[in-house]
C-alpha atoms as a PDB file:
ATOM      1  CA  MET A   1     -88.843 -12.156  -9.185  1.00  0.00           C
ATOM      2  CA  ILE A   2     -86.551 -11.214 -12.067  1.00  0.00           C
ATOM      3  CA  LEU A   3     -85.763  -7.504 -12.306  1.00  0.00           C
ATOM      4  CA  LEU A   4     -85.081  -6.390 -15.861  1.00  0.00           C
ATOM      5  CA  THR A   5     -82.792  -3.347 -16.020  1.00  0.00           C
ATOM      6  CA  PRO A   6     -81.781  -1.493 -19.181  1.00  0.00           C
ATOM      7  CA  THR A   7     -77.986  -1.903 -19.195  1.00  0.00           C
ATOM      8  CA  GLN A   8     -77.354   0.949 -21.652  1.00  0.00           C
ATOM      9  CA  PHE A   9     -79.395   3.447 -19.587  1.00  0.00           C
ATOM     10  CA  GLN A  10     -76.913   4.367 -16.842  1.00  0.00           C
ATOM     11  CA  ASP A  11     -78.859   7.551 -15.989  1.00  0.00           C
ATOM     12  CA  TYR A  12     -81.865   5.483 -14.839  1.00  0.00           C
ATOM     13  CA  GLU A  13     -82.401   3.455 -11.667  1.00  0.00           C
ATOM     14  CA  LEU A  14     -85.527   1.918 -10.171  1.00  0.00           C
ATOM     15  CA  ILE A  15     -84.833   2.462  -6.468  1.00  0.00           C
ATOM     16  CA  ASP A  16     -88.037   0.988  -5.013  1.00  0.00           C
ATOM     17  CA  CYS A  17     -91.661   0.373  -5.932  1.00  0.00           C
ATOM     18  CA  GLY A  18     -94.850  -0.731  -4.250  1.00  0.00           C
ATOM     19  CA  ASP A  19     -98.192   0.539  -2.984  1.00  0.00           C
ATOM     20  CA  PHE A  20     -98.976   1.642  -6.564  1.00  0.00           C
ATOM     21  CA  GLU A  21     -95.937   3.968  -6.838  1.00  0.00           C
ATOM     22  CA  LYS A  22     -92.330   3.842  -8.046  1.00  0.00           C
ATOM     23  CA  LEU A  23     -89.228   5.674  -6.816  1.00  0.00           C
ATOM     24  CA  GLU A  24     -86.888   6.276  -9.758  1.00  0.00           C
ATOM     25  CA  ARG A  25     -83.643   8.118 -10.466  1.00  0.00           C
ATOM     26  CA  PHE A  26     -83.250   9.969 -13.774  1.00  0.00           C
ATOM     27  CA  GLY A  27     -79.727  11.378 -13.852  1.00  0.00           C
ATOM     28  CA  LYS A  28     -79.163  12.947 -10.440  1.00  0.00           C
ATOM     29  CA  TYR A  29     -82.835  13.624  -9.665  1.00  0.00           C
ATOM     30  CA  ILE A  30     -85.243  11.225  -7.992  1.00  0.00           C
ATOM     31  CA  THR A  31     -88.949  11.065  -8.793  1.00  0.00           C
ATOM     32  CA  ILE A  32     -92.017   9.454  -7.237  1.00  0.00           C
ATOM     33  CA  ARG A  33     -94.567   8.454  -9.873  1.00  0.00           C
ATOM     34  CA  PRO A  34     -97.732   6.337  -9.925  1.00  0.00           C
ATOM     35  CA  GLU A  35     -97.318   2.689 -10.950  1.00  0.00           C
ATOM     36  CA  PRO A  36    -100.662   0.831 -11.100  1.00  0.00           C
ATOM     37  CA  GLN A  37     -98.940  -2.561 -11.426  1.00  0.00           C
ATOM     38  CA  ALA A  38     -96.887  -2.213  -8.200  1.00  0.00           C
ATOM     39  CA  VAL A  39     -99.453  -3.991  -6.023  1.00  0.00           C
ATOM     40  CA  TRP A  40     -96.970  -5.198  -3.354  1.00  0.00           C
ATOM     41  CA  SER A  41     -95.593  -3.272  -0.368  1.00  0.00           C
ATOM     42  CA  LYS A  42     -92.657  -0.874  -0.628  1.00  0.00           C
ATOM     43  CA  LYS A  43     -89.292  -2.037   0.747  1.00  0.00           C
ATOM     44  CA  LEU A  44     -88.395   1.459   1.994  1.00  0.00           C
ATOM     45  CA  SER A  45     -90.617   3.539   4.289  1.00  0.00           C
ATOM     46  CA  ASN A  46     -92.647   6.526   3.075  1.00  0.00           C
ATOM     47  CA  GLN A  47     -90.288   8.750   5.079  1.00  0.00           C
ATOM     48  CA  GLU A  48     -87.275   7.301   3.210  1.00  0.00           C
ATOM     49  CA  TRP A  49     -89.006   7.926  -0.117  1.00  0.00           C
ATOM     50  CA  ASP A  50     -89.761  11.548   0.798  1.00  0.00           C
ATOM     51  CA  LYS A  51     -86.187  12.058   2.032  1.00  0.00           C
ATOM     52  CA  LYS A  52     -84.694  10.732  -1.236  1.00  0.00           C
ATOM     53  CA  ALA A  53     -87.116  12.268  -3.769  1.00  0.00           C
ATOM     54  CA  HIS A  54     -86.796  15.636  -5.471  1.00  0.00           C
ATOM     55  CA  VAL A  55     -90.287  15.610  -6.976  1.00  0.00           C
ATOM     56  CA  ARG A  56     -93.590  13.715  -6.686  1.00  0.00           C
ATOM     57  CA  PHE A  57     -96.320  13.369  -9.297  1.00  0.00           C
ATOM     58  CA  VAL A  58     -99.714  14.039  -7.691  1.00  0.00           C
ATOM     59  CA  PRO A  59    -102.551  12.573  -9.802  1.00  0.00           C
ATOM     60  CA  LYS A  60    -105.679  14.698 -10.222  1.00  0.00           C
ATOM     61  CA  SER A  61    -107.444  12.105 -12.394  1.00  0.00           C
ATOM     62  CA  SER A  62    -106.537   8.906 -14.215  1.00  0.00           C
ATOM     63  CA  SER A  63    -104.911  10.920 -17.020  1.00  0.00           C
ATOM     64  CA  ALA A  64    -103.715  14.188 -15.434  1.00  0.00           C
ATOM     65  CA  GLY A  65    -101.863  15.578 -12.450  1.00  0.00           C
ATOM     66  CA  THR A  66     -99.197  17.981 -11.218  1.00  0.00           C
ATOM     67  CA  TRP A  67     -95.597  17.750 -10.025  1.00  0.00           C
ATOM     68  CA  GLN A  68     -94.883  18.705  -6.413  1.00  0.00           C
ATOM     69  CA  LYS A  69     -91.255  19.710  -5.795  1.00  0.00           C
ATOM     70  CA  LEU A  70     -89.871  18.280  -2.553  1.00  0.00           C
ATOM     71  CA  LYS A  71     -86.324  19.625  -3.085  1.00  0.00           C
ATOM     72  CA  ASP A  72     -84.773  22.292  -5.244  1.00  0.00           C
ATOM     73  CA  MET A  73     -84.251  21.091  -8.821  1.00  0.00           C
ATOM     74  CA  PRO A  74     -84.519  22.496 -12.358  1.00  0.00           C
ATOM     75  CA  ASP A  75     -87.718  22.138 -14.373  1.00  0.00           C
ATOM     76  CA  GLN A  76     -85.684  20.430 -17.131  1.00  0.00           C
ATOM     77  CA  TRP A  77     -82.442  18.442 -17.099  1.00  0.00           C
ATOM     78  CA  ARG A  78     -80.489  16.155 -19.409  1.00  0.00           C
ATOM     79  CA  ILE A  79     -80.076  12.426 -19.163  1.00  0.00           C
ATOM     80  CA  GLN A  80     -78.136  10.111 -21.462  1.00  0.00           C
ATOM     81  CA  TYR A  81     -79.189   6.867 -23.123  1.00  0.00           C
ATOM     82  CA  ASP A  82     -76.771   4.898 -25.313  1.00  0.00           C
ATOM     83  CA  ILE A  83     -78.211   3.218 -28.397  1.00  0.00           C
ATOM     84  CA  ASN A  84     -75.865   0.871 -30.294  1.00  0.00           C
ATOM     85  CA  SER A  85     -72.717   2.641 -29.118  1.00  0.00           C
ATOM     86  CA  THR A  86     -74.100   6.060 -30.112  1.00  0.00           C
ATOM     87  CA  SER A  87     -75.074   8.521 -27.425  1.00  0.00           C
ATOM     88  CA  SER A  88     -78.472  10.162 -27.521  1.00  0.00           C
ATOM     89  CA  ILE A  89     -79.560  12.927 -25.170  1.00  0.00           C
ATOM     90  CA  PHE A  90     -83.169  13.174 -24.013  1.00  0.00           C
ATOM     91  CA  PHE A  91     -84.850  15.938 -22.005  1.00  0.00           C
END
């Protein structure tokens, strides 16, 4: 399998995925979000995911849900993405 990673997005990392979820880092915070295309098994255990993650998205329906904080973190934070040698900040 070839893993495509955005080279100019240093504030992003796909840590693991599987069992219809993905474990991702945005800046210094780690999220667990649904990923319907991750049909394989996770590499890390559920306990490792919960230990690493700051927040988990809990779906309530196919188009809505809530965030469950697992660790202390702000409701908003900044991450950086470089586009053609110019820095852009997203929230």
